[in-house]
């Protein structure tokens, strides 16, 4: 399932931003209402597309896009979810133990000449 960032108008003049990860929504932040932000984030924006400013024609949308990575990293740490591609790869990477046995010199009989 894709990770998306979306916004809702919660009160008059206030927008609340959420991130949806694996079907569960996490709160990000609130800010003043901007019509351009509502149009851009209302249906949801894929996290992979947050770095591309080609669709952002408004300065308020660009400022919001600049804010999002810090909040998303916080959500990753706080709730232990993988949002970014690198985080997903890191969590899927297997941690292998060394196959070496520890050397214990007390277990060996030493020949003394």
Protein backbone atom coordinates (compact mmCIF):
# COMPACT_ATOMS: atom_id res chain seq x y z
CA UNK A 1 0.00 0.00 0.00
CA UNK A 2 1.30 3.45 -0.87
CA UNK A 3 2.14 6.04 1.76
CA UNK A 4 0.30 9.32 1.19
CA UNK A 5 0.13 12.72 2.85
CA UNK A 6 -3.27 14.40 2.92
CA UNK A 7 -4.99 17.31 4.65
CA UNK A 8 -8.40 17.99 6.13
CA UNK A 9 -9.99 21.26 7.12
CA UNK A 10 -10.71 20.70 10.82
CA UNK A 11 -11.88 24.15 11.90
CA UNK A 12 -12.50 27.49 10.28
CA UNK A 13 -9.15 28.68 9.01
CA UNK A 14 -7.16 25.59 10.13
CA UNK A 15 -5.89 22.65 8.09
CA UNK A 16 -4.65 19.44 9.68
CA UNK A 17 -2.14 17.24 7.86
CA UNK A 18 -1.95 13.46 8.19
CA UNK A 19 0.14 10.66 6.70
CA UNK A 20 -1.51 7.34 5.81
CA UNK A 21 0.81 4.35 6.25
CA UNK A 22 -0.55 0.83 5.68
CA UNK A 23 -4.14 2.01 6.08
CA UNK A 24 -3.55 3.88 9.33
CA UNK A 25 -3.51 7.70 9.55
CA UNK A 26 -0.94 9.51 11.73
CA UNK A 27 -1.22 13.19 12.69
CA UNK A 28 1.56 15.45 11.38
CA UNK A 29 0.77 19.12 12.11
CA UNK A 30 -1.78 21.92 11.75
CA UNK A 31 -1.42 25.26 10.00
CA UNK A 32 -3.44 28.15 8.63
CA UNK A 33 -5.88 27.44 5.84
CA UNK A 34 -4.59 27.97 2.30
CA UNK A 35 -6.79 27.18 -0.66
CA UNK A 36 -3.81 26.09 -2.79
CA UNK A 37 -2.72 23.63 -0.10
CA UNK A 38 -6.21 22.22 0.10
CA UNK A 39 -6.32 21.68 -3.66
CA UNK A 40 -2.86 20.09 -3.68
CA UNK A 41 -3.14 17.79 -0.62
CA UNK A 42 -6.87 17.06 -0.41
CA UNK A 43 -6.82 13.81 -2.40
CA UNK A 44 -3.42 12.81 -1.05
CA UNK A 45 0.11 13.07 -2.37
CA UNK A 46 2.43 10.09 -2.64
CA UNK A 47 5.51 10.39 -0.41
CA UNK A 48 7.80 9.64 -3.36
CA UNK A 49 6.43 12.73 -5.13
CA UNK A 50 7.02 15.13 -2.23
CA UNK A 51 10.49 16.12 -3.47
CA UNK A 52 9.18 17.16 -6.88
CA UNK A 53 8.05 20.78 -6.91
CA UNK A 54 6.75 20.64 -10.48
CA UNK A 55 3.12 20.46 -9.40
CA UNK A 56 3.51 23.13 -6.70
CA UNK A 57 2.62 26.47 -8.24
CA UNK A 58 2.09 28.25 -4.94
CA UNK A 59 4.66 29.44 -2.41
CA UNK A 60 2.57 28.09 0.47
CA UNK A 61 2.57 24.60 -1.09
CA UNK A 62 6.35 24.76 -1.51
CA UNK A 63 6.82 25.81 2.13
CA UNK A 64 4.59 22.96 3.26
CA UNK A 65 6.55 20.50 1.10
CA UNK A 66 9.74 21.78 2.76
CA UNK A 67 8.25 21.13 6.21
CA UNK A 68 7.05 17.59 5.58
CA UNK A 69 10.30 15.51 5.62
CA UNK A 70 11.14 16.52 9.19
CA UNK A 71 7.67 15.61 10.44
CA UNK A 72 7.71 12.32 8.51
CA UNK A 73 11.06 11.32 10.02
CA UNK A 74 9.62 12.04 13.47
CA UNK A 75 6.65 9.76 12.78
CA UNK A 76 9.04 7.01 11.64
CA UNK A 77 10.99 7.20 14.89
CA UNK A 78 8.02 7.67 17.21
CA UNK A 79 5.75 4.93 15.86
CA UNK A 80 8.32 2.61 14.26
CA UNK A 81 6.79 2.68 10.77
CA UNK A 82 8.69 2.81 7.48
CA UNK A 83 7.63 5.77 5.35
CA UNK A 84 10.57 6.50 3.06
CA UNK A 85 12.05 4.01 0.59
CA UNK A 86 15.41 3.92 2.38
CA UNK A 87 13.71 3.14 5.68
CA UNK A 88 11.83 0.26 4.10
CA UNK A 89 15.03 -1.16 2.60
CA UNK A 90 16.84 -0.81 5.90
CA UNK A 91 14.12 -2.63 7.82
CA UNK A 92 14.04 -5.45 5.25
CA UNK A 93 17.80 -5.92 5.37
CA UNK A 94 18.63 -9.02 7.32
CA UNK A 95 20.99 -8.77 10.24
CA UNK A 96 23.32 -11.77 10.19
CA UNK A 97 25.53 -12.84 13.02
CA UNK A 98 29.13 -13.79 12.60
CA UNK A 99 29.75 -17.51 12.10
CA UNK A 100 33.01 -17.43 13.98
CA UNK A 101 33.48 -19.15 17.28
CA UNK A 102 35.11 -17.22 20.08
CA UNK A 103 38.67 -18.29 20.88
CA UNK A 104 39.08 -19.44 24.45
CA UNK A 105 42.72 -20.10 25.23
CA UNK A 106 41.83 -21.83 28.52
CA UNK A 107 40.35 -24.78 26.61
CA UNK A 108 43.61 -25.65 24.83
CA UNK A 109 46.42 -27.71 26.25
CA UNK A 110 49.70 -26.05 25.53
CA UNK A 111 52.89 -27.99 24.95
CA UNK A 112 55.75 -26.53 26.85
CA UNK A 113 59.20 -27.35 25.59
